[in-house]
Structures are given as C-alpha cells and as structure tokens.
Amino acid sequence: MGSEDEGFNEFRERMNERILSEDNLQIKRFFNLDDRAYDEGSLDKTTKEMLGLVASMVLKCDDCIKYHLQELYLLDIEEDKLWEVFNIALVVGGSIVIPHLREAVDFWDRMKSGDVSTPAGAENNDDTIYSIYTDGACAGNPGPGGYAALILQGGEVIEEITGYCHDTTNNRMELKAVIAALKWVEPESDVRLYCDSQYVVKGLDEWVQTWRKNGWQTASSDAVKNRDLWEKLDDLRQDMELNIFKVPAHSGHELNERVDSMAKKAIKGGKNEDEKDE
C-alpha cells in the first residue's frame, strides 16, 4: 500500500483522486454511494460506522477496518462499545477474523497514542465541500466568552470568524460558533462540521429532532436550555447537507487547536462584541 513513508490517509486520498480523475461515471457513482451510505439518516452515523466495521472485519478488509476505526475515533466512541463490535465480528466471522482483530487493536492503540494521524480534515481537498472547525470558550462559565470558526474549501482556509459576549456560558459560545459559520456558507452547500463539543455533536445528531417534536422539552419535561440558539441552528441546517464529526479535544489536531486558541483570544480581546447574547 503505497510507499513505506506514506500514511494510510495520504495514500487513500492520493489514489482516490487518481481514480476519480478518470471519466468513468459508474466508478464515480459507486464512490459517491459508498461515501453517502454512512451519512446521518434513520440510523445515526456512529451505528452505521460500527456496522461498517463489523462487515469489514468479517470480509477481512484491513484498509476498510482502518477507515471505520478512524471515523469512530472522531465520533468519540466509548471503548467498551468498540470491544463489543469486535466481539460481534468474531462471532459472525469466526477465528479467521482474529488476525484482523490484532491489526484493528494495534491501529486503535496507535491512534490513541498519536502514532497515527486521525483523518479529521483528510477529505478537505474537494473544493465543492465546506469544512468547518468551531470552538467556544468562557472565562467563569458564566462569564465573558468567545467563539471562533475556521471555514475551509479545497483544503485552504477561506474565512476566519470570531465573536465575543461579555456575559454568557461555554455551551452558548459553542453553539454561536457553529451558527456564525453556517450563516456564512452558501445555501444548499455540502458542509462537514468538525467540533470537539459533545454538547453540539450530540445535540445535532440525536437531541434536537426529539426536542422539536416534544415542543422543546427534554425527556424529563424540562425546558431545553439555549432553545433560541438550537432553533437557529436547526433552521440553518435545513438548507444544507450537513455532516458532523466529533474531534477529540486537545488531541493535537492543528485546526482544532487553532480554533480553540482563536476563541480564547476573542475573550481577551473583547472584539466583535455581541451587545446582547442572542
């Protein structure tokens, strides 16, 4: 697989670009189908990636195993769930899966230790896709807060957004960062959001649809906190193809660390102040 000094993601990206450069409509359609199959739908993305991992282990496709492991790592899957996935693959595929289980566990451990780079942003070279990194910060919680977003297209940063609120919370800053970024992109765009906030990722992937159906009440019949921002965010996402990826916080990922620093600087600078945290 490629040269010894070329990583899995680099080889995958390079060869995908080579294959898709050919004018073969059937191959392009299949690649698109393969990519879209794991988008959020009636099944959440994490469940789809776990299903893909089981199938890949049973089919003995080590490259596919690595791909799904990386996606699950970005989705911040709990490790006990991952081991249950491994067990199901063994039950379905039998002892022939064991060598691939060894490869999978080794790859997972190397990702956690930082020996293997995670794929956040690895697919950002497509200039038809907006890739967005967001973060929010708050000094005191509640207290003065800042938010920031980086918008990329074709692998290059095309816009930086920061904002400041003098009295707010961390969760509101996380939400306002995403709202500001989605307002900037064109309607009907293909958007990939990379965020280290479990609150934002879980909210967009799982909670917001239920909240809206329940009249913006939680399962315990309490009013949803930050409803005003969740409604804005839910409305914005209706006009685009939005896929959300969980980035492990403070994992050394360059763009995630950069947007974290921008949000904290926004607090210190007090620039672009929103007079009211609305």
Protein backbone atom coordinates (compact mmCIF):
# COMPACT_ATOMS: atom_id res chain seq x y z
CA MET A 1 0.00 0.00 0.00
CA GLY A 2 1.94 3.00 -1.24
CA SER A 3 5.50 3.75 -0.15
CA GLU A 4 6.62 2.92 3.39
CA ASP A 5 6.79 6.58 4.39
CA GLU A 6 3.29 7.35 3.12
CA GLY A 7 0.50 7.16 5.69
CA PHE A 8 -2.82 5.40 5.24
CA ASN A 9 -4.81 8.62 4.78
CA GLU A 10 -2.31 10.14 2.34
CA PHE A 11 -2.32 7.02 0.18
CA ARG A 12 -6.11 6.74 0.29
CA GLU A 13 -6.57 10.39 -0.68
CA ARG A 14 -3.96 10.26 -3.44
CA MET A 15 -5.38 7.15 -5.05
CA ASN A 16 -9.00 8.29 -4.73
CA GLU A 17 -8.03 11.47 -6.56
CA ARG A 18 -6.27 9.41 -9.25
CA ILE A 19 -9.22 7.02 -9.72
CA LEU A 20 -11.85 9.77 -9.80
CA SER A 21 -9.83 11.78 -12.30
CA GLU A 22 -10.80 9.20 -14.93
CA ASP A 23 -14.02 9.83 -16.81
CA ASN A 24 -15.83 6.69 -15.62
CA LEU A 25 -19.31 7.59 -14.42
CA GLN A 26 -20.04 4.16 -12.92
CA ILE A 27 -16.97 4.25 -10.68
CA LYS A 28 -17.73 7.81 -9.62
CA ARG A 29 -21.30 6.87 -8.76
CA PHE A 30 -20.15 3.91 -6.68
CA PHE A 31 -17.60 6.00 -4.76
CA ASN A 32 -20.32 8.56 -4.05
CA LEU A 33 -22.72 5.82 -2.91
CA ASP A 34 -20.05 4.35 -0.64
CA ASP A 35 -19.37 7.75 0.91
CA ARG A 36 -23.03 8.69 1.39
CA ALA A 37 -24.01 5.33 2.89
CA TYR A 38 -22.53 6.38 6.23
CA ASP A 39 -24.18 9.81 6.41
CA GLU A 40 -26.68 10.50 9.17
CA GLY A 41 -30.09 9.03 8.40
CA SER A 42 -32.65 6.90 10.22
CA LEU A 43 -29.58 5.27 11.75
CA ASP A 44 -27.12 7.62 13.42
CA LYS A 45 -23.61 7.87 11.98
CA THR A 46 -21.96 6.04 14.89
CA THR A 47 -24.21 3.00 14.41
CA LYS A 48 -23.51 2.98 10.67
CA GLU A 49 -19.76 3.13 11.23
CA MET A 50 -19.98 0.24 13.73
CA LEU A 51 -21.91 -1.81 11.19
CA GLY A 52 -19.27 -0.98 8.59
CA LEU A 53 -16.51 -2.07 10.96
CA VAL A 54 -18.16 -5.45 11.61
CA ALA A 55 -18.62 -6.06 7.89
CA SER A 56 -15.03 -5.02 7.14
CA MET A 57 -13.60 -7.37 9.76
CA VAL A 58 -15.69 -10.30 8.55
CA LEU A 59 -14.70 -9.53 4.94
CA LYS A 60 -11.05 -9.23 6.05
CA CYS A 61 -10.53 -5.77 4.55
CA ASP A 62 -7.82 -4.16 6.70
CA ASP A 63 -7.96 -0.82 4.87
CA CYS A 64 -11.72 -0.66 5.45
CA ILE A 65 -11.19 -1.56 9.10
CA LYS A 66 -8.77 1.37 9.48
CA TYR A 67 -11.19 3.74 7.80
CA HIS A 68 -14.09 2.85 10.10
CA LEU A 69 -11.86 2.89 13.19
CA GLN A 70 -10.76 6.41 12.32
CA GLU A 71 -14.34 7.57 11.86
CA LEU A 72 -15.36 6.03 15.19
CA TYR A 73 -12.36 7.66 16.86
CA LEU A 74 -13.51 11.05 15.59
CA LEU A 75 -17.02 10.29 16.79
CA ASP A 76 -15.52 9.72 20.26
CA ILE A 77 -16.92 6.21 20.62
CA GLU A 78 -16.65 4.72 24.11
CA GLU A 79 -14.05 1.97 24.07
CA ASP A 80 -16.31 -0.60 25.72
CA LYS A 81 -18.67 -0.24 22.74
CA LEU A 82 -15.76 -0.80 20.37
CA TRP A 83 -14.89 -4.09 22.07
CA GLU A 84 -18.48 -5.23 21.71
CA VAL A 85 -18.19 -4.51 17.99
CA PHE A 86 -15.01 -6.59 17.86
CA ASN A 87 -16.80 -9.45 19.64
CA ILE A 88 -19.72 -9.40 17.18
CA ALA A 89 -17.27 -9.53 14.27
CA LEU A 90 -15.61 -12.60 15.82
CA VAL A 91 -18.94 -14.33 16.39
CA VAL A 92 -20.04 -13.66 12.81
CA GLY A 93 -16.73 -14.34 11.08
CA GLY A 94 -15.12 -16.94 13.33
CA SER A 95 -11.44 -17.47 14.11
CA ILE A 96 -10.37 -16.27 10.66
CA VAL A 97 -11.14 -12.74 11.92
CA ILE A 98 -8.52 -12.97 14.69
CA PRO A 99 -5.56 -11.70 12.59
CA HIS A 100 -7.64 -8.71 11.54
CA LEU A 101 -8.67 -8.13 15.15
CA ARG A 102 -4.97 -7.88 16.01
CA GLU A 103 -4.48 -5.31 13.26
CA ALA A 104 -7.54 -3.37 14.39
CA VAL A 105 -6.49 -3.20 18.05
CA ASP A 106 -2.95 -2.21 17.11
CA PHE A 107 -4.21 0.57 14.82
CA TRP A 108 -6.63 1.82 17.51
CA ASP A 109 -3.88 1.91 20.14
CA ARG A 110 -1.55 3.77 17.79
CA MET A 111 -4.25 6.36 17.07
CA LYS A 112 -4.76 6.94 20.79
CA SER A 113 -1.02 7.34 21.37
CA GLY A 114 -0.69 9.78 18.47
CA ASP A 115 1.49 7.48 16.33
CA VAL A 116 -1.19 7.51 13.60
CA SER A 117 -2.74 10.79 12.48
CA THR A 118 -6.52 10.92 12.63
CA PRO A 119 -8.41 11.75 9.44
CA ALA A 120 -10.17 14.95 10.52
CA GLY A 121 -9.81 17.21 7.52
CA ALA A 122 -8.24 14.48 5.39
CA GLU A 123 -11.04 14.76 2.85
CA ASN A 124 -10.99 18.56 2.68
CA ASN A 125 -9.35 18.88 -0.73
CA ASP A 126 -12.67 18.72 -2.57
CA ASP A 127 -13.41 22.35 -3.45
CA THR A 128 -17.15 21.64 -3.62
CA ILE A 129 -17.24 20.97 0.14
CA TYR A 130 -17.04 23.44 3.01
CA SER A 131 -15.15 22.11 6.02
CA ILE A 132 -15.77 23.98 9.26
CA TYR A 133 -13.92 23.86 12.58
CA THR A 134 -15.56 25.58 15.55
CA ASP A 135 -14.94 26.16 19.22
CA GLY A 136 -16.29 28.21 22.10
CA ALA A 137 -14.74 29.28 25.39
CA CYS A 138 -15.88 31.01 28.54
CA ALA A 139 -13.96 32.55 31.46
CA GLY A 140 -16.01 31.69 34.52
CA ASN A 141 -18.97 29.89 32.92
CA PRO A 142 -20.99 32.05 33.18
CA GLY A 143 -18.74 34.94 32.37
CA PRO A 144 -17.12 36.60 29.37
CA GLY A 145 -16.98 34.25 26.41
CA GLY A 146 -15.56 33.94 22.94
CA TYR A 147 -16.26 31.80 19.91
CA ALA A 148 -14.41 31.07 16.69
CA ALA A 149 -14.76 29.24 13.40
CA LEU A 150 -12.49 28.35 10.51
CA ILE A 151 -14.06 27.73 7.11
CA LEU A 152 -12.08 25.76 4.54
CA GLN A 153 -12.64 24.97 0.91
CA GLY A 154 -10.28 22.93 -1.24
CA GLY A 155 -8.08 22.35 1.80
CA GLU A 156 -7.45 26.07 2.33
CA VAL A 157 -8.81 28.40 5.00
CA ILE A 158 -11.04 30.93 3.25
CA GLU A 159 -12.63 32.62 6.26
CA GLU A 160 -11.94 33.16 9.97
CA ILE A 161 -14.78 34.15 12.29
CA THR A 162 -14.56 35.27 15.92
CA GLY A 163 -17.02 36.79 18.34
CA TYR A 164 -17.27 37.90 21.94
CA CYS A 165 -20.02 38.13 24.56
CA HIS A 166 -19.46 39.85 27.88
CA ASP A 167 -21.80 37.57 29.87
CA THR A 168 -22.53 34.08 28.61
CA THR A 169 -21.80 30.35 29.02
CA ASN A 170 -19.46 27.91 27.34
CA ASN A 171 -22.30 25.97 25.70
CA ARG A 172 -23.75 29.14 24.19
CA MET A 173 -20.37 30.02 22.75
CA GLU A 174 -20.05 26.55 21.22
CA LEU A 175 -23.44 26.97 19.57
CA LYS A 176 -22.83 30.54 18.39
CA ALA A 177 -19.60 29.46 16.71
CA VAL A 178 -21.48 26.91 14.60
CA ILE A 179 -24.32 29.32 13.84
CA ALA A 180 -21.92 32.04 12.69
CA ALA A 181 -20.12 29.59 10.40
CA LEU A 182 -23.27 28.12 8.86
CA LYS A 183 -24.63 31.60 8.22
CA TRP A 184 -21.50 32.36 6.22
CA VAL A 185 -21.68 29.40 3.79
CA GLU A 186 -23.95 29.40 0.78
CA PRO A 187 -27.38 27.71 0.96
CA GLU A 188 -27.58 24.11 -0.29
CA SER A 189 -23.87 23.62 0.36
CA ASP A 190 -22.20 20.34 1.31
CA VAL A 191 -20.77 21.04 4.78
CA ARG A 192 -18.61 18.98 7.11
CA LEU A 193 -18.51 20.26 10.66
CA TYR A 194 -15.63 19.27 12.94
CA CYS A 195 -16.21 20.06 16.61
CA ASP A 196 -14.87 18.83 19.95
CA SER A 197 -18.03 19.73 21.88
CA GLN A 198 -20.05 16.68 22.86
CA TYR A 199 -22.95 19.05 23.56
CA VAL A 200 -23.00 20.30 19.97
CA VAL A 201 -22.38 16.93 18.31
CA LYS A 202 -24.93 15.00 20.37
CA GLY A 203 -27.42 17.83 20.05
CA LEU A 204 -27.22 17.94 16.26
CA ASP A 205 -27.00 14.17 15.80
CA GLU A 206 -29.56 13.00 18.31
CA TRP A 207 -31.32 15.50 20.56
CA VAL A 208 -32.61 18.41 18.50
CA GLN A 209 -35.15 16.48 16.42
CA THR A 210 -36.68 14.98 19.56
CA TRP A 211 -36.73 18.36 21.31
CA ARG A 212 -38.56 19.96 18.42
CA LYS A 213 -41.15 17.16 18.31
CA ASN A 214 -41.65 17.48 22.08
CA GLY A 215 -42.24 21.22 21.97
CA TRP A 216 -38.69 22.00 23.09
CA GLN A 217 -38.91 19.97 26.24
CA THR A 218 -36.45 17.35 27.48
CA ALA A 219 -37.39 13.77 28.35
CA SER A 220 -37.90 14.94 31.93
CA SER A 221 -40.31 17.69 30.70
CA ASP A 222 -37.86 20.48 31.47
CA ALA A 223 -37.42 23.39 29.07
CA VAL A 224 -34.49 22.90 26.71
CA LYS A 225 -31.61 25.18 27.66
CA ASN A 226 -30.39 27.55 24.96
CA ARG A 227 -33.52 26.91 22.93
CA ASP A 228 -33.10 30.16 21.00
CA LEU A 229 -29.74 29.05 19.62
CA TRP A 230 -30.79 25.46 18.99
CA GLU A 231 -33.75 26.69 16.94
CA LYS A 232 -31.49 28.93 14.84
CA LEU A 233 -29.05 26.09 14.32
CA ASP A 234 -31.75 23.60 13.42
CA ASP A 235 -33.24 26.05 10.90
CA LEU A 236 -29.85 26.71 9.29
CA ARG A 237 -29.05 23.04 8.79
CA GLN A 238 -32.25 22.53 6.79
CA ASP A 239 -30.73 24.49 3.89
CA MET A 240 -27.60 22.37 3.50
CA GLU A 241 -26.12 18.88 3.54
CA LEU A 242 -24.51 18.83 6.99
CA ASN A 243 -22.32 16.03 8.34
CA ILE A 244 -20.91 16.31 11.86
CA PHE A 245 -17.64 14.83 13.10
CA LYS A 246 -16.51 14.68 16.73
CA VAL A 247 -12.86 15.70 17.13
CA PRO A 248 -11.17 14.58 20.36
CA ALA A 249 -10.45 17.70 22.43
CA HIS A 250 -6.83 18.76 22.88
CA SER A 251 -5.59 15.85 20.80
CA GLY A 252 -3.05 17.93 18.91
CA HIS A 253 -5.10 18.31 15.74
CA GLU A 254 -3.79 21.51 14.14
CA LEU A 255 -7.07 23.12 13.06
CA ASN A 256 -8.91 22.18 16.23
CA GLU A 257 -6.12 23.66 18.36
CA ARG A 258 -6.08 26.77 16.19
CA VAL A 259 -9.78 27.46 16.56
CA ASP A 260 -9.53 26.83 20.33
CA SER A 261 -6.81 29.48 20.54
CA MET A 262 -8.90 31.91 18.48
CA ALA A 263 -11.88 31.55 20.82
CA LYS A 264 -9.74 32.21 23.89
CA LYS A 265 -8.11 35.23 22.26
CA ALA A 266 -11.57 36.60 21.46
CA ILE A 267 -12.29 36.70 25.20
CA LYS A 268 -9.08 38.59 25.97
CA GLY A 269 -9.50 40.98 23.07
CA GLY A 270 -13.21 41.63 23.56
CA LYS A 271 -13.55 42.28 19.84
CA ASN A 272 -16.65 41.83 17.67
CA GLU A 273 -18.75 42.06 20.79
CA ASP A 274 -22.36 40.99 20.64
CA GLU A 275 -24.04 43.60 22.82
CA LYS A 276 -26.65 41.02 23.77
CA ASP A 277 -26.06 37.29 23.85
CA GLU A 278 -28.89 36.40 21.49
